[in-house]
């Protein structure tokens, strides 16, 4: 099974998938995250067209508000 590195850990994927699909699988809201793939920040406007492939290194950072 193909894998990516997700936040430093191996993560199995079924094949190439859109970044928005990965975020949905992770139950992550797109508006509250920053994503980096292979050390390049992905602009939010590019999330729907961005493809995650086996071997990619993906970092997802969640923004948490509080007070």
PDB file of N, CA and C in Angstrom:
ATOM      1  N   UNK A   1       0.851  -1.183   0.000  1.00  0.00           N
ATOM      2  CA  UNK A   1       0.000   0.000   0.000  1.00  0.00           C
ATOM      3  C   UNK A   1       0.893   1.242   0.000  1.00  0.00           C
ATOM      4  N   UNK A   2       0.594   2.220  -0.850  1.00  0.00           N
ATOM      5  CA  UNK A   2       1.396   3.442  -0.889  1.00  0.00           C
ATOM      6  C   UNK A   2       1.243   4.243   0.400  1.00  0.00           C
ATOM      7  N   UNK A   3       2.294   4.959   0.767  1.00  0.00           N
ATOM      8  CA  UNK A   3       2.249   5.778   1.975  1.00  0.00           C
ATOM      9  C   UNK A   3       2.811   7.165   1.701  1.00  0.00           C
ATOM     10  N   UNK A   4       2.389   8.088   2.549  1.00  0.00           N
ATOM     11  CA  UNK A   4       2.980   9.417   2.625  1.00  0.00           C
ATOM     12  C   UNK A   4       3.512   9.562   4.044  1.00  0.00           C
ATOM     13  N   UNK A   5       4.280  10.594   4.275  1.00  0.00           N
ATOM     14  CA  UNK A   5       4.661  10.948   5.641  1.00  0.00           C
ATOM     15  C   UNK A   5       3.768  12.107   6.038  1.00  0.00           C
ATOM     16  N   UNK A   6       2.963  11.899   7.063  1.00  0.00           N
ATOM     17  CA  UNK A   6       2.008  12.904   7.514  1.00  0.00           C
ATOM     18  C   UNK A   6       2.404  13.351   8.907  1.00  0.00           C
ATOM     19  N   UNK A   7       2.834  14.587   9.014  1.00  0.00           N
ATOM     20  CA  UNK A   7       3.291  15.147  10.289  1.00  0.00           C
ATOM     21  C   UNK A   7       4.320  14.236  10.959  1.00  0.00           C
ATOM     22  N   UNK A   8       5.220  13.691  10.145  1.00  0.00           N
ATOM     23  CA  UNK A   8       6.327  12.901  10.667  1.00  0.00           C
ATOM     24  C   UNK A   8       6.066  11.411  10.799  1.00  0.00           C
ATOM     25  N   UNK A   9       4.837  10.971  10.545  1.00  0.00           N
ATOM     26  CA  UNK A   9       4.490   9.557  10.690  1.00  0.00           C
ATOM     27  C   UNK A   9       4.004   8.982   9.365  1.00  0.00           C
ATOM     28  N   UNK A  10       4.249   7.688   9.121  1.00  0.00           N
ATOM     29  CA  UNK A  10       3.737   7.065   7.903  1.00  0.00           C
ATOM     30  C   UNK A  10       2.206   7.039   7.913  1.00  0.00           C
ATOM     31  N   UNK A  11       1.622   7.267   6.750  1.00  0.00           N
ATOM     32  CA  UNK A  11       0.167   7.265   6.612  1.00  0.00           C
ATOM     33  C   UNK A  11      -0.172   6.618   5.274  1.00  0.00           C
ATOM     34  N   UNK A  12      -0.944   5.540   5.316  1.00  0.00           N
ATOM     35  CA  UNK A  12      -1.295   4.802   4.105  1.00  0.00           C
ATOM     36  C   UNK A  12      -2.370   5.539   3.313  1.00  0.00           C
ATOM     37  N   UNK A  13      -2.185   5.561   1.988  1.00  0.00           N
ATOM     38  CA  UNK A  13      -3.187   6.119   1.088  1.00  0.00           C
ATOM     39  C   UNK A  13      -3.482   5.070   0.017  1.00  0.00           C
ATOM     40  N   UNK A  14      -4.639   5.196  -0.639  1.00  0.00           N
ATOM     41  CA  UNK A  14      -5.026   4.226  -1.657  1.00  0.00           C
ATOM     42  C   UNK A  14      -4.411   4.526  -3.015  1.00  0.00           C
ATOM     43  N   UNK A  15      -3.725   5.626  -3.135  1.00  0.00           N
ATOM     44  CA  UNK A  15      -3.152   6.089  -4.396  1.00  0.00           C
ATOM     45  C   UNK A  15      -3.174   7.598  -4.374  1.00  0.00           C
ATOM     46  N   UNK A  16      -2.875   8.202  -5.503  1.00  0.00           N
ATOM     47  CA  UNK A  16      -2.905   9.663  -5.562  1.00  0.00           C
ATOM     48  C   UNK A  16      -4.290  10.161  -5.147  1.00  0.00           C
ATOM     49  N   UNK A  17      -4.324  11.255  -4.374  1.00  0.00           N
ATOM     50  CA  UNK A  17      -5.593  11.836  -3.977  1.00  0.00           C
ATOM     51  C   UNK A  17      -5.457  13.334  -3.846  1.00  0.00           C
ATOM     52  N   UNK A  18      -6.566  13.992  -3.976  1.00  0.00           N
ATOM     53  CA  UNK A  18      -6.580  15.457  -3.834  1.00  0.00           C
ATOM     54  C   UNK A  18      -6.358  15.824  -2.375  1.00  0.00           C
ATOM     55  N   UNK A  19      -5.705  16.944  -2.171  1.00  0.00           N
ATOM     56  CA  UNK A  19      -5.447  17.418  -0.812  1.00  0.00           C
ATOM     57  C   UNK A  19      -6.752  17.591  -0.049  1.00  0.00           C
ATOM     58  N   UNK A  20      -7.788  18.115  -0.697  1.00  0.00           N
ATOM     59  CA  UNK A  20      -9.062  18.313   0.002  1.00  0.00           C
ATOM     60  C   UNK A  20      -9.642  16.973   0.461  1.00  0.00           C
ATOM     61  N   UNK A  21      -9.417  15.918  -0.296  1.00  0.00           N
ATOM     62  CA  UNK A  21      -9.890  14.587   0.090  1.00  0.00           C
ATOM     63  C   UNK A  21      -9.138  14.098   1.323  1.00  0.00           C
ATOM     64  N   UNK A  22      -7.833  14.307   1.341  1.00  0.00           N
ATOM     65  CA  UNK A  22      -7.042  13.933   2.516  1.00  0.00           C
ATOM     66  C   UNK A  22      -7.545  14.679   3.747  1.00  0.00           C
ATOM     67  N   UNK A  23      -7.775  15.970   3.615  1.00  0.00           N
ATOM     68  CA  UNK A  23      -8.260  16.758   4.750  1.00  0.00           C
ATOM     69  C   UNK A  23      -9.621  16.251   5.228  1.00  0.00           C
ATOM     70  N   UNK A  24     -10.490  15.858   4.284  1.00  0.00           N
ATOM     71  CA  UNK A  24     -11.790  15.303   4.667  1.00  0.00           C
ATOM     72  C   UNK A  24     -11.616  13.989   5.422  1.00  0.00           C
ATOM     73  N   UNK A  25     -10.713  13.127   4.950  1.00  0.00           N
ATOM     74  CA  UNK A  25     -10.463  11.846   5.632  1.00  0.00           C
ATOM     75  C   UNK A  25      -9.969  12.085   7.060  1.00  0.00           C
ATOM     76  N   UNK A  26      -9.255  13.176   7.260  1.00  0.00           N
ATOM     77  CA  UNK A  26      -8.699  13.497   8.578  1.00  0.00           C
ATOM     78  C   UNK A  26      -9.665  14.334   9.419  1.00  0.00           C
ATOM     79  N   UNK A  27     -10.869  14.579   8.888  1.00  0.00           N
ATOM     80  CA  UNK A  27     -11.866  15.425   9.567  1.00  0.00           C
ATOM     81  C   UNK A  27     -11.287  16.780   9.934  1.00  0.00           C
ATOM     82  N   UNK A  28     -10.570  17.368   8.990  1.00  0.00           N
ATOM     83  CA  UNK A  28      -9.915  18.646   9.211  1.00  0.00           C
ATOM     84  C   UNK A  28     -10.604  19.725   8.380  1.00  0.00           C
ATOM     85  N   UNK A  29     -10.962  20.826   9.021  1.00  0.00           N
ATOM     86  CA  UNK A  29     -11.591  21.939   8.308  1.00  0.00           C
ATOM     87  C   UNK A  29     -10.521  22.725   7.558  1.00  0.00           C
ATOM     88  N   UNK A  30     -10.722  22.912   6.276  1.00  0.00           N
ATOM     89  CA  UNK A  30      -9.736  23.563   5.425  1.00  0.00           C
ATOM     90  C   UNK A  30      -9.417  24.995   5.848  1.00  0.00           C
ATOM     91  N   UNK A  31     -10.385  25.689   6.382  1.00  0.00           N
ATOM     92  CA  UNK A  31     -10.185  27.088   6.735  1.00  0.00           C
ATOM     93  C   UNK A  31      -9.299  27.308   7.946  1.00  0.00           C
ATOM     94  N   UNK A  32      -9.039  26.268   8.727  1.00  0.00           N
ATOM     95  CA  UNK A  32      -8.289  26.429   9.967  1.00  0.00           C
ATOM     96  C   UNK A  32      -6.950  25.707   9.949  1.00  0.00           C
ATOM     97  N   UNK A  33      -6.420  25.445   8.750  1.00  0.00           N
ATOM     98  CA  UNK A  33      -5.144  24.734   8.665  1.00  0.00           C
ATOM     99  C   UNK A  33      -4.205  25.419   7.677  1.00  0.00           C
ATOM    100  N   UNK A  34      -2.932  25.116   7.855  1.00  0.00           N
ATOM    101  CA  UNK A  34      -1.911  25.448   6.863  1.00  0.00           C
ATOM    102  C   UNK A  34      -1.293  24.119   6.446  1.00  0.00           C
ATOM    103  N   UNK A  35      -1.018  23.972   5.154  1.00  0.00           N
ATOM    104  CA  UNK A  35      -0.489  22.714   4.641  1.00  0.00           C
ATOM    105  C   UNK A  35       0.810  22.973   3.894  1.00  0.00           C
ATOM    106  N   UNK A  36       1.756  22.086   4.145  1.00  0.00           N
ATOM    107  CA  UNK A  36       3.042  22.120   3.456  1.00  0.00           C
ATOM    108  C   UNK A  36       3.247  20.727   2.855  1.00  0.00           C
ATOM    109  N   UNK A  37       3.599  20.683   1.585  1.00  0.00           N
ATOM    110  CA  UNK A  37       3.907  19.420   0.926  1.00  0.00           C
ATOM    111  C   UNK A  37       5.323  19.511   0.382  1.00  0.00           C
ATOM    112  N   UNK A  38       6.141  18.574   0.802  1.00  0.00           N
ATOM    113  CA  UNK A  38       7.545  18.537   0.383  1.00  0.00           C
ATOM    114  C   UNK A  38       8.239  19.880   0.596  1.00  0.00           C
ATOM    115  N   UNK A  39       7.992  20.444   1.776  1.00  0.00           N
ATOM    116  CA  UNK A  39       8.619  21.686   2.241  1.00  0.00           C
ATOM    117  C   UNK A  39       8.177  22.937   1.486  1.00  0.00           C
ATOM    118  N   UNK A  40       7.039  22.848   0.784  1.00  0.00           N
ATOM    119  CA  UNK A  40       6.474  24.012   0.094  1.00  0.00           C
ATOM    120  C   UNK A  40       5.063  24.251   0.613  1.00  0.00           C
ATOM    121  N   UNK A  41       4.792  25.484   1.034  1.00  0.00           N
ATOM    122  CA  UNK A  41       3.471  25.839   1.533  1.00  0.00           C
ATOM    123  C   UNK A  41       2.482  25.828   0.364  1.00  0.00           C
ATOM    124  N   UNK A  42       1.330  25.216   0.601  1.00  0.00           N
ATOM    125  CA  UNK A  42       0.287  25.150  -0.414  1.00  0.00           C
ATOM    126  C   UNK A  42      -0.718  26.268  -0.137  1.00  0.00           C
ATOM    127  N   UNK A  43      -0.908  27.195  -1.085  1.00  0.00           N
ATOM    128  CA  UNK A  43      -1.914  28.243  -0.889  1.00  0.00           C
ATOM    129  C   UNK A  43      -3.313  27.630  -0.786  1.00  0.00           C
ATOM    130  N   UNK A  44      -4.145  28.174   0.081  1.00  0.00           N
ATOM    131  CA  UNK A  44      -5.492  27.630   0.279  1.00  0.00           C
ATOM    132  C   UNK A  44      -6.269  27.534  -1.030  1.00  0.00           C
ATOM    133  N   UNK A  45      -6.100  28.498  -1.912  1.00  0.00           N
ATOM    134  CA  UNK A  45      -6.813  28.481  -3.191  1.00  0.00           C
ATOM    135  C   UNK A  45      -6.401  27.288  -4.052  1.00  0.00           C
ATOM    136  N   UNK A  46      -5.252  26.703  -3.773  1.00  0.00           N
ATOM    137  CA  UNK A  46      -4.755  25.566  -4.556  1.00  0.00           C
ATOM    138  C   UNK A  46      -5.141  24.211  -3.969  1.00  0.00           C
ATOM    139  N   UNK A  47      -5.753  24.181  -2.786  1.00  0.00           N
ATOM    140  CA  UNK A  47      -6.087  22.903  -2.148  1.00  0.00           C
ATOM    141  C   UNK A  47      -6.880  21.978  -3.075  1.00  0.00           C
ATOM    142  N   UNK A  48      -7.949  22.463  -3.756  1.00  0.00           N
ATOM    143  CA  UNK A  48      -8.743  21.547  -4.584  1.00  0.00           C
ATOM    144  C   UNK A  48      -7.954  20.917  -5.738  1.00  0.00           C
ATOM    145  N   UNK A  49      -6.973  21.613  -6.273  1.00  0.00           N
ATOM    146  CA  UNK A  49      -6.219  21.110  -7.428  1.00  0.00           C
ATOM    147  C   UNK A  49      -4.934  20.382  -7.043  1.00  0.00           C
ATOM    148  N   UNK A  50      -4.560  20.435  -5.771  1.00  0.00           N
ATOM    149  CA  UNK A  50      -3.298  19.834  -5.327  1.00  0.00           C
ATOM    150  C   UNK A  50      -3.470  18.332  -5.128  1.00  0.00           C
ATOM    151  N   UNK A  51      -2.553  17.570  -5.720  1.00  0.00           N
ATOM    152  CA  UNK A  51      -2.587  16.113  -5.627  1.00  0.00           C
ATOM    153  C   UNK A  51      -1.487  15.651  -4.676  1.00  0.00           C
ATOM    154  N   UNK A  52      -1.848  14.778  -3.748  1.00  0.00           N
ATOM    155  CA  UNK A  52      -0.899  14.160  -2.823  1.00  0.00           C
ATOM    156  C   UNK A  52      -0.564  12.782  -3.381  1.00  0.00           C
ATOM    157  N   UNK A  53       0.747  12.519  -3.500  1.00  0.00           N
ATOM    158  CA  UNK A  53       1.202  11.266  -4.097  1.00  0.00           C
ATOM    159  C   UNK A  53       2.031  10.464  -3.099  1.00  0.00           C
ATOM    160  N   UNK A  54       2.127   9.170  -3.340  1.00  0.00           N
ATOM    161  CA  UNK A  54       2.953   8.303  -2.504  1.00  0.00           C
ATOM    162  C   UNK A  54       4.354   8.886  -2.407  1.00  0.00           C
ATOM    163  N   UNK A  55       4.899   8.869  -1.209  1.00  0.00           N
ATOM    164  CA  UNK A  55       6.234   9.385  -0.969  1.00  0.00           C
ATOM    165  C   UNK A  55       6.277  10.848  -0.565  1.00  0.00           C
ATOM    166  N   UNK A  56       5.156  11.568  -0.723  1.00  0.00           N
ATOM    167  CA  UNK A  56       5.126  12.980  -0.334  1.00  0.00           C
ATOM    168  C   UNK A  56       5.258  13.126   1.178  1.00  0.00           C
ATOM    169  N   UNK A  57       5.845  14.239   1.574  1.00  0.00           N
ATOM    170  CA  UNK A  57       5.954  14.604   2.980  1.00  0.00           C
ATOM    171  C   UNK A  57       4.957  15.733   3.219  1.00  0.00           C
ATOM    172  N   UNK A  58       3.913  15.455   3.995  1.00  0.00           N
ATOM    173  CA  UNK A  58       2.826  16.406   4.217  1.00  0.00           C
ATOM    174  C   UNK A  58       2.824  16.839   5.677  1.00  0.00           C
ATOM    175  N   UNK A  59       2.812  18.137   5.879  1.00  0.00           N
ATOM    176  CA  UNK A  59       2.684  18.705   7.226  1.00  0.00           C
ATOM    177  C   UNK A  59       1.398  19.506   7.264  1.00  0.00           C
ATOM    178  N   UNK A  60       0.546  19.211   8.230  1.00  0.00           N
ATOM    179  CA  UNK A  60      -0.720  19.940   8.408  1.00  0.00           C
ATOM    180  C   UNK A  60      -0.695  20.567   9.795  1.00  0.00           C
ATOM    181  N   UNK A  61      -0.888  21.861   9.816  1.00  0.00           N
ATOM    182  CA  UNK A  61      -0.873  22.598  11.078  1.00  0.00           C
ATOM    183  C   UNK A  61      -2.257  23.166  11.302  1.00  0.00           C
ATOM    184  N   UNK A  62      -2.863  22.812  12.433  1.00  0.00           N
ATOM    185  CA  UNK A  62      -4.183  23.323  12.819  1.00  0.00           C
ATOM    186  C   UNK A  62      -4.026  24.584  13.636  1.00  0.00           C
ATOM    187  N   UNK A  63      -4.870  25.546  13.315  1.00  0.00           N
ATOM    188  CA  UNK A  63      -4.907  26.777  14.110  1.00  0.00           C
ATOM    189  C   UNK A  63      -5.996  26.630  15.157  1.00  0.00           C
ATOM    190  N   UNK A  64      -5.657  26.931  16.403  1.00  0.00           N
ATOM    191  CA  UNK A  64      -6.596  26.814  17.503  1.00  0.00           C
ATOM    192  C   UNK A  64      -6.731  28.177  18.159  1.00  0.00           C
ATOM    193  N   UNK A  65      -7.960  28.622  18.280  1.00  0.00           N
ATOM    194  CA  UNK A  65      -8.205  29.897  18.938  1.00  0.00           C
ATOM    195  C   UNK A  65      -8.542  29.688  20.416  1.00  0.00           C
ATOM    196  N   UNK A  66      -8.411  30.702  21.155  1.00  0.00           N
ATOM    197  CA  UNK A  66      -8.750  30.609  22.567  1.00  0.00           C
ATOM    198  C   UNK A  66      -8.518  31.938  23.237  1.00  0.00           C
ATOM    199  N   UNK A  67      -8.849  31.956  24.451  1.00  0.00           N
ATOM    200  CA  UNK A  67      -8.649  33.226  25.118  1.00  0.00           C
ATOM    201  C   UNK A  67      -8.655  33.072  26.609  1.00  0.00           C
TER     202      UNK A  67
END
